[in-house]
Amino acid sequence: MLLGMGEFDGNRILAEQSVRDMTKNQIGDLVVEMQPGAIPDRSNAFPYGAGKDKFGLGFQLKEGVEKVGRSPGSYSWAGINNTHFWADPDKGIAAV
């Protein structure tokens, strides 16, 4: 649904502008810093890209180009049990 800019299976779930706002830098010049895991025996410190990535409305936003991995502008987050999800609009793929 997010890769479809708010549309899934021909049905509009979110306005396209909502998805654009969710995946746009909302923190200006600030960066996402490394955070300790809330429950160290169940969760690791996070996130990947700490110190350079940005944050949208609910997602960490990938900044910069690397040889491998997600494209700039991809977005992700994780839960307390290290359940990670990410979406890469440039490559048209997502994973949980």
PDB file of N, CA and C in Angstrom:
ATOM      1  N   MET A   1       0.824  -1.182   0.000  1.00  0.00           N
ATOM      2  CA  MET A   1       0.000   0.000   0.000  1.00  0.00           C
ATOM      3  C   MET A   1       0.875   1.254   0.000  1.00  0.00           C
ATOM      4  N   LEU A   2       1.936   1.255   0.811  1.00  0.00           N
ATOM      5  CA  LEU A   2       2.811   2.435   0.821  1.00  0.00           C
ATOM      6  C   LEU A   2       3.605   2.538  -0.476  1.00  0.00           C
ATOM      7  N   LEU A   3       4.091   1.399  -0.992  1.00  0.00           N
ATOM      8  CA  LEU A   3       4.792   1.437  -2.279  1.00  0.00           C
ATOM      9  C   LEU A   3       3.854   1.881  -3.397  1.00  0.00           C
ATOM     10  N   GLY A   4       2.564   1.629  -3.241  1.00  0.00           N
ATOM     11  CA  GLY A   4       1.557   2.055  -4.215  1.00  0.00           C
ATOM     12  C   GLY A   4       1.054   3.464  -3.949  1.00  0.00           C
ATOM     13  N   MET A   5       1.802   4.226  -3.144  1.00  0.00           N
ATOM     14  CA  MET A   5       1.448   5.614  -2.817  1.00  0.00           C
ATOM     15  C   MET A   5       0.035   5.725  -2.244  1.00  0.00           C
ATOM     16  N   GLY A   6      -0.304   4.756  -1.368  1.00  0.00           N
ATOM     17  CA  GLY A   6      -1.584   4.800  -0.684  1.00  0.00           C
ATOM     18  C   GLY A   6      -2.671   3.949  -1.307  1.00  0.00           C
ATOM     19  N   GLU A   7      -2.343   3.289  -2.404  1.00  0.00           N
ATOM     20  CA  GLU A   7      -3.331   2.466  -3.090  1.00  0.00           C
ATOM     21  C   GLU A   7      -2.896   1.007  -3.056  1.00  0.00           C
ATOM     22  N   PHE A   8      -3.854   0.109  -2.845  1.00  0.00           N
ATOM     23  CA  PHE A   8      -3.564  -1.324  -2.856  1.00  0.00           C
ATOM     24  C   PHE A   8      -4.702  -2.060  -3.533  1.00  0.00           C
ATOM     25  N   ASP A   9      -4.341  -2.892  -4.481  1.00  0.00           N
ATOM     26  CA  ASP A   9      -5.316  -3.733  -5.179  1.00  0.00           C
ATOM     27  C   ASP A   9      -6.470  -2.907  -5.747  1.00  0.00           C
ATOM     28  N   GLY A  10      -6.122  -1.726  -6.252  1.00  0.00           N
ATOM     29  CA  GLY A  10      -7.115  -0.855  -6.872  1.00  0.00           C
ATOM     30  C   GLY A  10      -7.940  -0.030  -5.904  1.00  0.00           C
ATOM     31  N   ASN A  11      -7.648  -0.135  -4.617  1.00  0.00           N
ATOM     32  CA  ASN A  11      -8.402   0.610  -3.601  1.00  0.00           C
ATOM     33  C   ASN A  11      -7.525   1.667  -2.954  1.00  0.00           C
ATOM     34  N   ARG A  12      -8.028   2.871  -2.852  1.00  0.00           N
ATOM     35  CA  ARG A  12      -7.309   3.965  -2.204  1.00  0.00           C
ATOM     36  C   ARG A  12      -7.483   3.829  -0.699  1.00  0.00           C
ATOM     37  N   ILE A  13      -6.364   3.679   0.030  1.00  0.00           N
ATOM     38  CA  ILE A  13      -6.383   3.532   1.491  1.00  0.00           C
ATOM     39  C   ILE A  13      -5.966   4.852   2.141  1.00  0.00           C
ATOM     40  N   LEU A  14      -4.912   5.454   1.617  1.00  0.00           N
ATOM     41  CA  LEU A  14      -4.410   6.750   2.088  1.00  0.00           C
ATOM     42  C   LEU A  14      -4.293   7.692   0.905  1.00  0.00           C
ATOM     43  N   ALA A  15      -4.437   8.971   1.170  1.00  0.00           N
ATOM     44  CA  ALA A  15      -4.200   9.960   0.117  1.00  0.00           C
ATOM     45  C   ALA A  15      -2.724   9.914  -0.274  1.00  0.00           C
ATOM     46  N   GLU A  16      -2.442  10.081  -1.553  1.00  0.00           N
ATOM     47  CA  GLU A  16      -1.059  10.079  -2.025  1.00  0.00           C
ATOM     48  C   GLU A  16      -0.223  11.107  -1.267  1.00  0.00           C
ATOM     49  N   GLN A  17      -0.778  12.268  -0.996  1.00  0.00           N
ATOM     50  CA  GLN A  17      -0.042  13.301  -0.263  1.00  0.00           C
ATOM     51  C   GLN A  17       0.302  12.838   1.151  1.00  0.00           C
ATOM     52  N   SER A  18      -0.550  12.042   1.761  1.00  0.00           N
ATOM     53  CA  SER A  18      -0.251  11.510   3.099  1.00  0.00           C
ATOM     54  C   SER A  18       0.998  10.644   3.063  1.00  0.00           C
ATOM     55  N   VAL A  19       1.102   9.782   2.057  1.00  0.00           N
ATOM     56  CA  VAL A  19       2.281   8.921   1.934  1.00  0.00           C
ATOM     57  C   VAL A  19       3.517   9.774   1.667  1.00  0.00           C
ATOM     58  N   ARG A  20       3.399  10.792   0.826  1.00  0.00           N
ATOM     59  CA  ARG A  20       4.533  11.688   0.568  1.00  0.00           C
ATOM     60  C   ARG A  20       4.988  12.365   1.863  1.00  0.00           C
ATOM     61  N   ASP A  21       4.039  12.820   2.671  1.00  0.00           N
ATOM     62  CA  ASP A  21       4.385  13.458   3.946  1.00  0.00           C
ATOM     63  C   ASP A  21       5.019  12.464   4.916  1.00  0.00           C
ATOM     64  N   MET A  22       4.521  11.234   4.940  1.00  0.00           N
ATOM     65  CA  MET A  22       5.055  10.212   5.840  1.00  0.00           C
ATOM     66  C   MET A  22       6.499   9.862   5.499  1.00  0.00           C
ATOM     67  N   THR A  23       6.851   9.934   4.224  1.00  0.00           N
ATOM     68  CA  THR A  23       8.176   9.508   3.778  1.00  0.00           C
ATOM     69  C   THR A  23       9.085  10.688   3.430  1.00  0.00           C
ATOM     70  N   LYS A  24       8.756  11.856   3.948  1.00  0.00           N
ATOM     71  CA  LYS A  24       9.555  13.071   3.745  1.00  0.00           C
ATOM     72  C   LYS A  24      10.239  13.421   5.063  1.00  0.00           C
ATOM     73  N   ASN A  25      11.457  13.944   4.982  1.00  0.00           N
ATOM     74  CA  ASN A  25      12.187  14.367   6.177  1.00  0.00           C
ATOM     75  C   ASN A  25      11.342  15.349   6.978  1.00  0.00           C
ATOM     76  N   GLN A  26      11.094  15.005   8.232  1.00  0.00           N
ATOM     77  CA  GLN A  26      10.303  15.863   9.115  1.00  0.00           C
ATOM     78  C   GLN A  26      11.140  16.454  10.249  1.00  0.00           C
ATOM     79  N   ILE A  27      12.463  16.181  10.244  1.00  0.00           N
ATOM     80  CA  ILE A  27      13.293  16.642  11.365  1.00  0.00           C
ATOM     81  C   ILE A  27      14.394  17.613  10.940  1.00  0.00           C
ATOM     82  N   GLY A  28      14.316  18.122   9.729  1.00  0.00           N
ATOM     83  CA  GLY A  28      15.274  19.133   9.278  1.00  0.00           C
ATOM     84  C   GLY A  28      16.709  18.651   9.318  1.00  0.00           C
ATOM     85  N   ASP A  29      17.588  19.422   9.964  1.00  0.00           N
ATOM     86  CA  ASP A  29      19.013  19.104  10.015  1.00  0.00           C
ATOM     87  C   ASP A  29      19.366  18.057  11.068  1.00  0.00           C
ATOM     88  N   LEU A  30      18.431  17.690  11.925  1.00  0.00           N
ATOM     89  CA  LEU A  30      18.699  16.659  12.931  1.00  0.00           C
ATOM     90  C   LEU A  30      18.909  15.315  12.247  1.00  0.00           C
ATOM     91  N   VAL A  31      19.552  14.382  12.939  1.00  0.00           N
ATOM     92  CA  VAL A  31      19.726  13.026  12.422  1.00  0.00           C
ATOM     93  C   VAL A  31      19.227  12.029  13.462  1.00  0.00           C
ATOM     94  N   VAL A  32      18.906  10.836  13.008  1.00  0.00           N
ATOM     95  CA  VAL A  32      18.508   9.751  13.894  1.00  0.00           C
ATOM     96  C   VAL A  32      19.766   9.247  14.593  1.00  0.00           C
ATOM     97  N   GLU A  33      19.768   9.268  15.907  1.00  0.00           N
ATOM     98  CA  GLU A  33      20.924   8.813  16.686  1.00  0.00           C
ATOM     99  C   GLU A  33      20.722   7.371  17.146  1.00  0.00           C
ATOM    100  N   MET A  34      21.823   6.708  17.499  1.00  0.00           N
ATOM    101  CA  MET A  34      21.762   5.348  18.017  1.00  0.00           C
ATOM    102  C   MET A  34      21.002   5.342  19.338  1.00  0.00           C
ATOM    103  N   GLN A  35      20.107   4.393  19.493  1.00  0.00           N
ATOM    104  CA  GLN A  35      19.312   4.240  20.708  1.00  0.00           C
ATOM    105  C   GLN A  35      19.566   2.856  21.295  1.00  0.00           C
ATOM    106  N   PRO A  36      19.667   2.737  22.608  1.00  0.00           N
ATOM    107  CA  PRO A  36      19.827   1.404  23.197  1.00  0.00           C
ATOM    108  C   PRO A  36      18.533   0.609  23.055  1.00  0.00           C
ATOM    109  N   GLY A  37      18.652  -0.699  23.025  1.00  0.00           N
ATOM    110  CA  GLY A  37      17.463  -1.539  23.002  1.00  0.00           C
ATOM    111  C   GLY A  37      16.677  -1.352  24.292  1.00  0.00           C
ATOM    112  N   ALA A  38      15.360  -1.297  24.202  1.00  0.00           N
ATOM    113  CA  ALA A  38      14.516  -1.076  25.381  1.00  0.00           C
ATOM    114  C   ALA A  38      14.579  -2.256  26.344  1.00  0.00           C
ATOM    115  N   ILE A  39      14.694  -3.456  25.807  1.00  0.00           N
ATOM    116  CA  ILE A  39      14.837  -4.672  26.604  1.00  0.00           C
ATOM    117  C   ILE A  39      16.048  -5.402  26.024  1.00  0.00           C
ATOM    118  N   PRO A  40      17.258  -5.143  26.540  1.00  0.00           N
ATOM    119  CA  PRO A  40      18.489  -5.626  25.914  1.00  0.00           C
ATOM    120  C   PRO A  40      18.538  -7.121  25.607  1.00  0.00           C
ATOM    121  N   ASP A  41      17.890  -7.959  26.419  1.00  0.00           N
ATOM    122  CA  ASP A  41      17.928  -9.391  26.112  1.00  0.00           C
ATOM    123  C   ASP A  41      16.958  -9.774  24.989  1.00  0.00           C
ATOM    124  N   ARG A  42      16.132  -8.825  24.545  1.00  0.00           N
ATOM    125  CA  ARG A  42      15.184  -9.093  23.458  1.00  0.00           C
ATOM    126  C   ARG A  42      15.376  -8.201  22.249  1.00  0.00           C
ATOM    127  N   SER A  43      16.050  -7.075  22.414  1.00  0.00           N
ATOM    128  CA  SER A  43      16.179  -6.144  21.288  1.00  0.00           C
ATOM    129  C   SER A  43      17.572  -5.527  21.258  1.00  0.00           C
ATOM    130  N   ASN A  44      18.077  -5.346  20.069  1.00  0.00           N
ATOM    131  CA  ASN A  44      19.391  -4.744  19.865  1.00  0.00           C
ATOM    132  C   ASN A  44      19.293  -3.226  19.858  1.00  0.00           C
ATOM    133  N   ALA A  45      20.454  -2.587  20.008  1.00  0.00           N
ATOM    134  CA  ALA A  45      20.506  -1.140  19.792  1.00  0.00           C
ATOM    135  C   ALA A  45      20.082  -0.881  18.344  1.00  0.00           C
ATOM    136  N   PHE A  46      19.530   0.266  18.095  1.00  0.00           N
ATOM    137  CA  PHE A  46      19.061   0.568  16.748  1.00  0.00           C
ATOM    138  C   PHE A  46      19.250   2.045  16.485  1.00  0.00           C
ATOM    139  N   PRO A  47      19.108   2.550  15.341  1.00  0.00           N
ATOM    140  CA  PRO A  47      18.837   1.876  14.083  1.00  0.00           C
ATOM    141  C   PRO A  47      20.097   1.783  13.235  1.00  0.00           C
ATOM    142  N   TYR A  48      20.008   0.982  12.175  1.00  0.00           N
ATOM    143  CA  TYR A  48      21.041   1.018  11.146  1.00  0.00           C
ATOM    144  C   TYR A  48      20.977   2.408  10.532  1.00  0.00           C
ATOM    145  N   GLY A  49      22.099   2.970  10.174  1.00  0.00           N
ATOM    146  CA  GLY A  49      22.096   4.313   9.586  1.00  0.00           C
ATOM    147  C   GLY A  49      22.096   5.418  10.610  1.00  0.00           C
ATOM    148  N   ALA A  50      22.279   5.062  11.893  1.00  0.00           N
ATOM    149  CA  ALA A  50      22.291   6.085  12.938  1.00  0.00           C
ATOM    150  C   ALA A  50      23.393   7.099  12.661  1.00  0.00           C
ATOM    151  N   GLY A  51      23.099   8.349  12.945  1.00  0.00           N
ATOM    152  CA  GLY A  51      24.061   9.417  12.748  1.00  0.00           C
ATOM    153  C   GLY A  51      23.982  10.090  11.397  1.00  0.00           C
ATOM    154  N   LYS A  52      23.206   9.521  10.470  1.00  0.00           N
ATOM    155  CA  LYS A  52      23.081  10.162   9.159  1.00  0.00           C
ATOM    156  C   LYS A  52      21.654  10.142   8.615  1.00  0.00           C
ATOM    157  N   ASP A  53      20.855   9.146   8.998  1.00  0.00           N
ATOM    158  CA  ASP A  53      19.500   9.047   8.466  1.00  0.00           C
ATOM    159  C   ASP A  53      18.571  10.092   9.082  1.00  0.00           C
ATOM    160  N   LYS A  54      17.440  10.286   8.449  1.00  0.00           N
ATOM    161  CA  LYS A  54      16.420  11.252   8.873  1.00  0.00           C
ATOM    162  C   LYS A  54      15.188  10.497   9.369  1.00  0.00           C
ATOM    163  N   PHE A  55      14.151  11.237   9.749  1.00  0.00           N
ATOM    164  CA  PHE A  55      12.925  10.602  10.209  1.00  0.00           C
ATOM    165  C   PHE A  55      11.729  11.308   9.594  1.00  0.00           C
ATOM    166  N   GLY A  56      10.786  10.502   9.103  1.00  0.00           N
ATOM    167  CA  GLY A  56       9.536  11.028   8.560  1.00  0.00           C
ATOM    168  C   GLY A  56       8.450  10.894   9.606  1.00  0.00           C
ATOM    169  N   LEU A  57       7.243  10.631   9.176  1.00  0.00           N
ATOM    170  CA  LEU A  57       6.132  10.419  10.105  1.00  0.00           C
ATOM    171  C   LEU A  57       5.964   8.916  10.319  1.00  0.00           C
ATOM    172  N   GLY A  58       6.766   8.370  11.228  1.00  0.00           N
ATOM    173  CA  GLY A  58       6.692   6.953  11.566  1.00  0.00           C
ATOM    174  C   GLY A  58       7.762   6.087  10.948  1.00  0.00           C
ATOM    175  N   PHE A  59       8.656   6.662  10.156  1.00  0.00           N
ATOM    176  CA  PHE A  59       9.678   5.869   9.489  1.00  0.00           C
ATOM    177  C   PHE A  59      11.047   6.530   9.585  1.00  0.00           C
ATOM    178  N   GLN A  60      12.075   5.696   9.695  1.00  0.00           N
ATOM    179  CA  GLN A  60      13.442   6.159   9.503  1.00  0.00           C
ATOM    180  C   GLN A  60      13.661   6.234   7.992  1.00  0.00           C
ATOM    181  N   LEU A  61      14.255   7.317   7.518  1.00  0.00           N
ATOM    182  CA  LEU A  61      14.462   7.528   6.085  1.00  0.00           C
ATOM    183  C   LEU A  61      15.932   7.377   5.746  1.00  0.00           C
ATOM    184  N   LYS A  62      16.239   6.496   4.801  1.00  0.00           N
ATOM    185  CA  LYS A  62      17.616   6.226   4.387  1.00  0.00           C
ATOM    186  C   LYS A  62      18.187   7.430   3.668  1.00  0.00           C
ATOM    187  N   GLU A  63      19.359   7.869   4.127  1.00  0.00           N
ATOM    188  CA  GLU A  63      20.092   8.968   3.491  1.00  0.00           C
ATOM    189  C   GLU A  63      21.377   8.417   2.896  1.00  0.00           C
ATOM    190  N   GLY A  64      21.819   8.980   1.814  1.00  0.00           N
ATOM    191  CA  GLY A  64      23.110   8.623   1.238  1.00  0.00           C
ATOM    192  C   GLY A  64      23.083   7.351   0.413  1.00  0.00           C
ATOM    193  N   VAL A  65      24.103   7.228  -0.431  1.00  0.00           N
ATOM    194  CA  VAL A  65      24.246   6.094  -1.342  1.00  0.00           C
ATOM    195  C   VAL A  65      25.338   5.176  -0.816  1.00  0.00           C
ATOM    196  N   GLU A  66      25.078   3.880  -0.850  1.00  0.00           N
ATOM    197  CA  GLU A  66      26.070   2.879  -0.484  1.00  0.00           C
ATOM    198  C   GLU A  66      26.161   1.872  -1.615  1.00  0.00           C
ATOM    199  N   LYS A  67      27.222   1.056  -1.619  1.00  0.00           N
ATOM    200  CA  LYS A  67      27.414   0.081  -2.696  1.00  0.00           C
ATOM    201  C   LYS A  67      26.323  -0.984  -2.712  1.00  0.00           C
ATOM    202  N   VAL A  68      25.836  -1.361  -1.541  1.00  0.00           N
ATOM    203  CA  VAL A  68      24.783  -2.368  -1.441  1.00  0.00           C
ATOM    204  C   VAL A  68      23.701  -1.867  -0.490  1.00  0.00           C
ATOM    205  N   GLY A  69      22.579  -2.540  -0.496  1.00  0.00           N
ATOM    206  CA  GLY A  69      21.520  -2.192   0.444  1.00  0.00           C
ATOM    207  C   GLY A  69      20.433  -1.344  -0.176  1.00  0.00           C
ATOM    208  N   ARG A  70      19.674  -0.721   0.710  1.00  0.00           N
ATOM    209  CA  ARG A  70      18.518   0.051   0.282  1.00  0.00           C
ATOM    210  C   ARG A  70      18.915   1.364  -0.384  1.00  0.00           C
ATOM    211  N   SER A  71      18.040   1.821  -1.253  1.00  0.00           N
ATOM    212  CA  SER A  71      18.251   3.084  -1.963  1.00  0.00           C
ATOM    213  C   SER A  71      17.984   4.267  -1.041  1.00  0.00           C
ATOM    214  N   PRO A  72      18.620   5.412  -1.312  1.00  0.00           N
ATOM    215  CA  PRO A  72      18.244   6.630  -0.588  1.00  0.00           C
ATOM    216  C   PRO A  72      16.745   6.872  -0.760  1.00  0.00           C
ATOM    217  N   GLY A  73      16.085   7.280   0.313  1.00  0.00           N
ATOM    218  CA  GLY A  73      14.644   7.495   0.265  1.00  0.00           C
ATOM    219  C   GLY A  73      13.836   6.283   0.684  1.00  0.00           C
ATOM    220  N   SER A  74      14.514   5.135   0.885  1.00  0.00           N
ATOM    221  CA  SER A  74      13.782   3.993   1.420  1.00  0.00           C
ATOM    222  C   SER A  74      13.458   4.273   2.881  1.00  0.00           C
ATOM    223  N   TYR A  75      12.510   3.559   3.427  1.00  0.00           N
ATOM    224  CA  TYR A  75      12.081   3.833   4.796  1.00  0.00           C
ATOM    225  C   TYR A  75      11.892   2.531   5.554  1.00  0.00           C
ATOM    226  N   SER A  76      12.047   2.616   6.888  1.00  0.00           N
ATOM    227  CA  SER A  76      12.013   1.411   7.706  1.00  0.00           C
ATOM    228  C   SER A  76      11.720   1.746   9.159  1.00  0.00           C
ATOM    229  N   TRP A  77      11.475   0.702   9.918  1.00  0.00           N
ATOM    230  CA  TRP A  77      11.399   0.791  11.376  1.00  0.00           C
ATOM    231  C   TRP A  77      11.360  -0.622  11.926  1.00  0.00           C
ATOM    232  N   ALA A  78      11.438  -0.740  13.264  1.00  0.00           N
ATOM    233  CA  ALA A  78      11.451  -2.055  13.904  1.00  0.00           C
ATOM    234  C   ALA A  78      10.659  -2.010  15.197  1.00  0.00           C
ATOM    235  N   GLY A  79      10.216  -3.180  15.628  1.00  0.00           N
ATOM    236  CA  GLY A  79       9.477  -3.297  16.879  1.00  0.00           C
ATOM    237  C   GLY A  79      10.354  -3.811  18.004  1.00  0.00           C
ATOM    238  N   ILE A  80       9.791  -3.928  19.176  1.00  0.00           N
ATOM    239  CA  ILE A  80      10.522  -4.306  20.375  1.00  0.00           C
ATOM    240  C   ILE A  80      11.192  -5.669  20.239  1.00  0.00           C
ATOM    241  N   ASN A  81      10.616  -6.585  19.483  1.00  0.00           N
ATOM    242  CA  ASN A  81      11.199  -7.916  19.310  1.00  0.00           C
ATOM    243  C   ASN A  81      12.082  -8.009  18.075  1.00  0.00           C
ATOM    244  N   ASN A  82      12.597  -6.860  17.618  1.00  0.00           N
ATOM    245  CA  ASN A  82      13.449  -6.796  16.431  1.00  0.00           C
ATOM    246  C   ASN A  82      12.740  -7.282  15.175  1.00  0.00           C
ATOM    247  N   THR A  83      11.456  -7.024  15.072  1.00  0.00           N
ATOM    248  CA  THR A  83      10.727  -7.280  13.842  1.00  0.00           C
ATOM    249  C   THR A  83      10.901  -6.048  12.968  1.00  0.00           C
ATOM    250  N   HIS A  84      11.760  -6.157  11.974  1.00  0.00           N
ATOM    251  CA  HIS A  84      12.084  -5.023  11.102  1.00  0.00           C
ATOM    252  C   HIS A  84      11.209  -5.053   9.854  1.00  0.00           C
ATOM    253  N   PHE A  85      10.869  -3.887   9.355  1.00  0.00           N
ATOM    254  CA  PHE A  85      10.259  -3.792   8.036  1.00  0.00           C
ATOM    255  C   PHE A  85      10.940  -2.663   7.287  1.00  0.00           C
ATOM    256  N   TRP A  86      10.961  -2.758   5.977  1.00  0.00           N
ATOM    257  CA  TRP A  86      11.501  -1.683   5.151  1.00  0.00           C
ATOM    258  C   TRP A  86      10.830  -1.717   3.785  1.00  0.00           C
ATOM    259  N   ALA A  87      10.859  -0.572   3.132  1.00  0.00           N
ATOM    260  CA  ALA A  87      10.331  -0.445   1.774  1.00  0.00           C
ATOM    261  C   ALA A  87      11.287   0.429   0.976  1.00  0.00           C
ATOM    262  N   ASP A  88      11.552   0.011  -0.248  1.00  0.00           N
ATOM    263  CA  ASP A  88      12.461   0.732  -1.136  1.00  0.00           C
ATOM    264  C   ASP A  88      11.683   1.111  -2.396  1.00  0.00           C
ATOM    265  N   PRO A  89      11.126   2.331  -2.430  1.00  0.00           N
ATOM    266  CA  PRO A  89      10.317   2.741  -3.586  1.00  0.00           C
ATOM    267  C   PRO A  89      11.079   2.708  -4.911  1.00  0.00           C
ATOM    268  N   ASP A  90      12.374   3.046  -4.902  1.00  0.00           N
ATOM    269  CA  ASP A  90      13.139   3.042  -6.153  1.00  0.00           C
ATOM    270  C   ASP A  90      13.221   1.647  -6.759  1.00  0.00           C
ATOM    271  N   LYS A  91      13.368   0.633  -5.894  1.00  0.00           N
ATOM    272  CA  LYS A  91      13.479  -0.747  -6.371  1.00  0.00           C
ATOM    273  C   LYS A  91      12.131  -1.455  -6.412  1.00  0.00           C
ATOM    274  N   GLY A  92      11.099  -0.821  -5.825  1.00  0.00           N
ATOM    275  CA  GLY A  92       9.763  -1.401  -5.836  1.00  0.00           C
ATOM    276  C   GLY A  92       9.624  -2.648  -4.979  1.00  0.00           C
ATOM    277  N   ILE A  93      10.417  -2.733  -3.895  1.00  0.00           N
ATOM    278  CA  ILE A  93      10.345  -3.911  -3.030  1.00  0.00           C
ATOM    279  C   ILE A  93      10.193  -3.503  -1.566  1.00  0.00           C
ATOM    280  N   ALA A  94       9.653  -4.427  -0.787  1.00  0.00           N
ATOM    281  CA  ALA A  94       9.497  -4.227   0.657  1.00  0.00           C
ATOM    282  C   ALA A  94       9.640  -5.584   1.329  1.00  0.00           C
ATOM    283  N   ALA A  95       9.969  -5.577   2.615  1.00  0.00           N
ATOM    284  CA  ALA A  95      10.125  -6.832   3.355  1.00  0.00           C
ATOM    285  C   ALA A  95       9.828  -6.610   4.824  1.00  0.00           C
ATOM    286  N   VAL A  96       9.444  -7.686   5.495  1.00  0.00           N
ATOM    287  CA  VAL A  96       9.258  -7.703   6.949  1.00  0.00           C
ATOM    288  C   VAL A  96      10.153  -8.797   7.488  1.00  0.00           C
TER     289      VAL A  96
END
